[in-house]
């Protein structure tokens, strides 16, 4: 199963939109999605505070930064 991580922070409406978009993606195979709250990690806050939500592909650490549309997201999730 392919794994992904979504970097988020509290009270982030864009993060909520990203999660909804991921759940609505018509994937051929299921994925494993970990949601990471960057507010607990100082080094992640420093790097991603103004960039969240960021989706990271587990196998190669490729990043997809917001905004992404459904077609871009599907391509990223299935590649």
N, C-alpha and C. Protein backbone atom coordinates (compact mmCIF):
# COMPACT_ATOMS: atom_id res chain seq x y z
N UNK A 1 0.85 -1.17 0.00
CA UNK A 1 0.00 0.00 0.00
C UNK A 1 0.90 1.24 0.00
N UNK A 2 0.56 2.18 -0.85
CA UNK A 2 1.33 3.42 -0.92
C UNK A 2 0.99 4.31 0.27
N UNK A 3 2.01 4.96 0.81
CA UNK A 3 1.78 5.81 1.98
C UNK A 3 2.10 7.27 1.66
N UNK A 4 1.32 8.14 2.29
CA UNK A 4 1.45 9.58 2.12
C UNK A 4 1.28 10.23 3.49
N UNK A 5 1.83 11.43 3.61
CA UNK A 5 1.71 12.21 4.83
C UNK A 5 1.23 13.60 4.45
N UNK A 6 0.24 14.08 5.18
CA UNK A 6 -0.26 15.43 4.95
C UNK A 6 0.16 16.29 6.13
N UNK A 7 0.99 17.29 5.85
CA UNK A 7 1.42 18.21 6.89
C UNK A 7 0.33 19.26 7.08
N UNK A 8 -0.08 19.44 8.33
CA UNK A 8 -1.17 20.36 8.67
C UNK A 8 -0.80 21.15 9.91
N UNK A 9 -1.67 22.08 10.27
CA UNK A 9 -1.57 22.77 11.55
C UNK A 9 -2.98 23.07 12.04
N UNK A 10 -3.15 23.33 13.32
CA UNK A 10 -4.49 23.57 13.86
C UNK A 10 -5.16 24.79 13.22
N UNK A 11 -6.48 24.71 13.13
CA UNK A 11 -7.30 25.82 12.63
C UNK A 11 -6.90 26.23 11.22
N UNK A 12 -6.69 25.23 10.37
CA UNK A 12 -6.24 25.46 9.00
C UNK A 12 -7.33 25.03 8.02
N UNK A 13 -8.13 25.97 7.52
CA UNK A 13 -9.20 25.61 6.59
C UNK A 13 -8.69 24.99 5.30
N UNK A 14 -7.52 25.41 4.85
CA UNK A 14 -6.95 24.81 3.64
C UNK A 14 -6.59 23.35 3.87
N UNK A 15 -6.15 23.04 5.08
CA UNK A 15 -5.83 21.64 5.42
C UNK A 15 -7.10 20.79 5.36
N UNK A 16 -8.19 21.32 5.86
CA UNK A 16 -9.47 20.62 5.81
C UNK A 16 -9.88 20.38 4.36
N UNK A 17 -9.71 21.39 3.52
CA UNK A 17 -10.03 21.23 2.10
C UNK A 17 -9.16 20.15 1.45
N UNK A 18 -7.88 20.14 1.80
CA UNK A 18 -6.97 19.15 1.23
C UNK A 18 -7.38 17.73 1.64
N UNK A 19 -7.73 17.54 2.90
CA UNK A 19 -8.15 16.23 3.37
C UNK A 19 -9.41 15.78 2.63
N UNK A 20 -10.35 16.68 2.47
CA UNK A 20 -11.58 16.35 1.74
C UNK A 20 -11.28 15.98 0.29
N UNK A 21 -10.40 16.72 -0.33
CA UNK A 21 -10.03 16.44 -1.71
C UNK A 21 -9.36 15.07 -1.84
N UNK A 22 -8.50 14.73 -0.89
CA UNK A 22 -7.84 13.42 -0.90
C UNK A 22 -8.88 12.31 -0.76
N UNK A 23 -9.81 12.47 0.17
CA UNK A 23 -10.84 11.45 0.39
C UNK A 23 -11.78 11.30 -0.80
N UNK A 24 -11.94 12.34 -1.59
CA UNK A 24 -12.82 12.30 -2.75
C UNK A 24 -12.12 11.80 -4.01
N UNK A 25 -10.82 11.59 -3.96
CA UNK A 25 -10.07 11.16 -5.15
C UNK A 25 -10.46 9.74 -5.54
N UNK A 26 -10.76 9.54 -6.83
CA UNK A 26 -11.16 8.20 -7.31
C UNK A 26 -9.93 7.32 -7.56
N UNK A 27 -9.35 6.82 -6.49
CA UNK A 27 -8.11 6.04 -6.59
C UNK A 27 -8.38 4.62 -7.05
N UNK A 28 -7.46 4.09 -7.84
CA UNK A 28 -7.55 2.70 -8.29
C UNK A 28 -7.28 1.75 -7.12
N UNK A 29 -6.37 2.14 -6.22
CA UNK A 29 -6.01 1.35 -5.04
C UNK A 29 -6.00 2.26 -3.82
N UNK A 30 -6.32 1.72 -2.65
CA UNK A 30 -6.32 2.55 -1.44
C UNK A 30 -4.89 3.00 -1.08
N UNK A 31 -4.82 4.08 -0.35
CA UNK A 31 -3.54 4.58 0.14
C UNK A 31 -3.59 4.66 1.66
N UNK A 32 -2.43 4.77 2.25
CA UNK A 32 -2.33 5.02 3.68
C UNK A 32 -1.98 6.50 3.84
N UNK A 33 -2.78 7.23 4.61
CA UNK A 33 -2.57 8.66 4.80
C UNK A 33 -2.33 8.97 6.26
N UNK A 34 -1.17 9.52 6.54
CA UNK A 34 -0.86 9.99 7.88
C UNK A 34 -1.00 11.50 7.92
N UNK A 35 -1.68 12.01 8.92
CA UNK A 35 -1.85 13.45 9.06
C UNK A 35 -0.89 13.91 10.16
N UNK A 36 0.00 14.84 9.82
CA UNK A 36 1.05 15.29 10.73
C UNK A 36 0.80 16.74 11.11
N UNK A 37 0.60 16.98 12.41
CA UNK A 37 0.44 18.33 12.93
C UNK A 37 1.83 18.92 13.14
N UNK A 38 2.20 19.89 12.30
CA UNK A 38 3.55 20.44 12.39
C UNK A 38 3.77 21.30 13.63
N UNK A 39 2.69 21.69 14.30
CA UNK A 39 2.84 22.56 15.47
C UNK A 39 3.56 21.87 16.62
N UNK A 40 3.70 20.55 16.55
CA UNK A 40 4.41 19.80 17.58
C UNK A 40 5.90 19.64 17.28
N UNK A 41 6.33 20.09 16.11
CA UNK A 41 7.71 19.87 15.66
C UNK A 41 8.34 21.20 15.24
N UNK A 42 9.21 21.77 16.06
CA UNK A 42 9.81 23.08 15.73
C UNK A 42 10.50 23.13 14.36
N UNK A 43 11.17 22.06 13.98
CA UNK A 43 11.86 22.08 12.68
C UNK A 43 10.87 22.07 11.51
N UNK A 44 9.73 21.41 11.70
CA UNK A 44 8.70 21.42 10.65
C UNK A 44 8.00 22.78 10.59
N UNK A 45 7.79 23.40 11.74
CA UNK A 45 7.19 24.74 11.75
C UNK A 45 8.09 25.71 10.99
N UNK A 46 9.38 25.63 11.24
CA UNK A 46 10.32 26.53 10.57
C UNK A 46 10.28 26.37 9.05
N UNK A 47 10.17 25.14 8.58
CA UNK A 47 10.21 24.88 7.14
C UNK A 47 8.86 25.04 6.45
N UNK A 48 7.76 24.66 7.13
CA UNK A 48 6.46 24.54 6.45
C UNK A 48 5.36 25.46 6.98
N UNK A 49 5.63 26.31 7.95
CA UNK A 49 4.57 27.09 8.61
C UNK A 49 3.67 27.84 7.64
N UNK A 50 4.22 28.41 6.60
CA UNK A 50 3.40 29.18 5.66
C UNK A 50 3.02 28.38 4.42
N UNK A 51 3.41 27.11 4.38
CA UNK A 51 3.18 26.29 3.19
C UNK A 51 2.06 25.27 3.34
N UNK A 52 1.67 24.93 4.56
CA UNK A 52 0.68 23.87 4.75
C UNK A 52 -0.63 24.24 4.10
N UNK A 53 -1.33 23.27 3.60
CA UNK A 53 -1.05 21.83 3.65
C UNK A 53 -0.03 21.43 2.57
N UNK A 54 0.78 20.44 2.94
CA UNK A 54 1.76 19.86 2.04
C UNK A 54 1.58 18.35 2.09
N UNK A 55 1.44 17.73 0.93
CA UNK A 55 1.30 16.29 0.84
C UNK A 55 2.65 15.71 0.45
N UNK A 56 3.09 14.72 1.20
CA UNK A 56 4.40 14.08 0.96
C UNK A 56 4.18 12.62 0.64
N UNK A 57 4.79 12.18 -0.46
CA UNK A 57 4.73 10.77 -0.87
C UNK A 57 5.82 10.01 -0.12
N UNK A 58 5.43 8.95 0.56
CA UNK A 58 6.34 8.20 1.43
C UNK A 58 7.52 7.56 0.73
N UNK A 59 7.31 7.02 -0.46
CA UNK A 59 8.38 6.24 -1.08
C UNK A 59 9.55 7.07 -1.58
N UNK A 60 9.31 8.34 -1.91
CA UNK A 60 10.41 9.15 -2.43
C UNK A 60 10.47 10.55 -1.83
N UNK A 61 9.63 10.84 -0.85
CA UNK A 61 9.57 12.14 -0.18
C UNK A 61 9.24 13.30 -1.12
N UNK A 62 8.64 13.00 -2.27
CA UNK A 62 8.19 14.06 -3.18
C UNK A 62 7.10 14.86 -2.49
N UNK A 63 7.08 16.16 -2.71
CA UNK A 63 6.12 17.04 -2.05
C UNK A 63 5.18 17.68 -3.06
N UNK A 64 3.93 17.80 -2.66
CA UNK A 64 2.95 18.56 -3.42
C UNK A 64 2.40 19.63 -2.48
N UNK A 65 2.67 20.87 -2.84
CA UNK A 65 2.23 21.99 -2.00
C UNK A 65 0.89 22.53 -2.48
N UNK A 66 0.11 23.03 -1.56
CA UNK A 66 -1.18 23.64 -1.86
C UNK A 66 -0.95 24.93 -2.63
N UNK A 67 -1.74 25.27 -3.60
CA UNK A 67 -2.99 24.64 -3.99
C UNK A 67 -2.77 23.55 -5.03
N UNK A 68 -3.58 22.50 -4.94
CA UNK A 68 -3.60 21.47 -5.98
C UNK A 68 -5.04 21.15 -6.32
N UNK A 69 -5.26 20.87 -7.61
CA UNK A 69 -6.62 20.57 -8.05
C UNK A 69 -6.80 19.05 -8.09
N UNK A 70 -8.03 18.57 -8.27
CA UNK A 70 -8.28 17.13 -8.24
C UNK A 70 -7.44 16.33 -9.24
N UNK A 71 -7.23 16.86 -10.44
CA UNK A 71 -6.44 16.13 -11.44
C UNK A 71 -4.98 16.04 -11.03
N UNK A 72 -4.40 17.14 -10.55
CA UNK A 72 -3.01 17.12 -10.08
C UNK A 72 -2.85 16.16 -8.91
N UNK A 73 -3.80 16.21 -7.99
CA UNK A 73 -3.75 15.34 -6.82
C UNK A 73 -3.80 13.88 -7.22
N UNK A 74 -4.73 13.53 -8.09
CA UNK A 74 -4.86 12.13 -8.51
C UNK A 74 -3.58 11.65 -9.18
N UNK A 75 -3.00 12.47 -10.03
CA UNK A 75 -1.74 12.09 -10.69
C UNK A 75 -0.64 11.87 -9.66
N UNK A 76 -0.54 12.75 -8.66
CA UNK A 76 0.47 12.61 -7.62
C UNK A 76 0.25 11.36 -6.79
N UNK A 77 -0.99 11.09 -6.42
CA UNK A 77 -1.30 9.92 -5.59
C UNK A 77 -1.07 8.61 -6.32
N UNK A 78 -1.24 8.59 -7.64
CA UNK A 78 -1.12 7.35 -8.37
C UNK A 78 0.23 7.18 -9.05
N UNK A 79 1.11 8.15 -8.95
CA UNK A 79 2.42 8.01 -9.59
C UNK A 79 3.41 7.30 -8.68
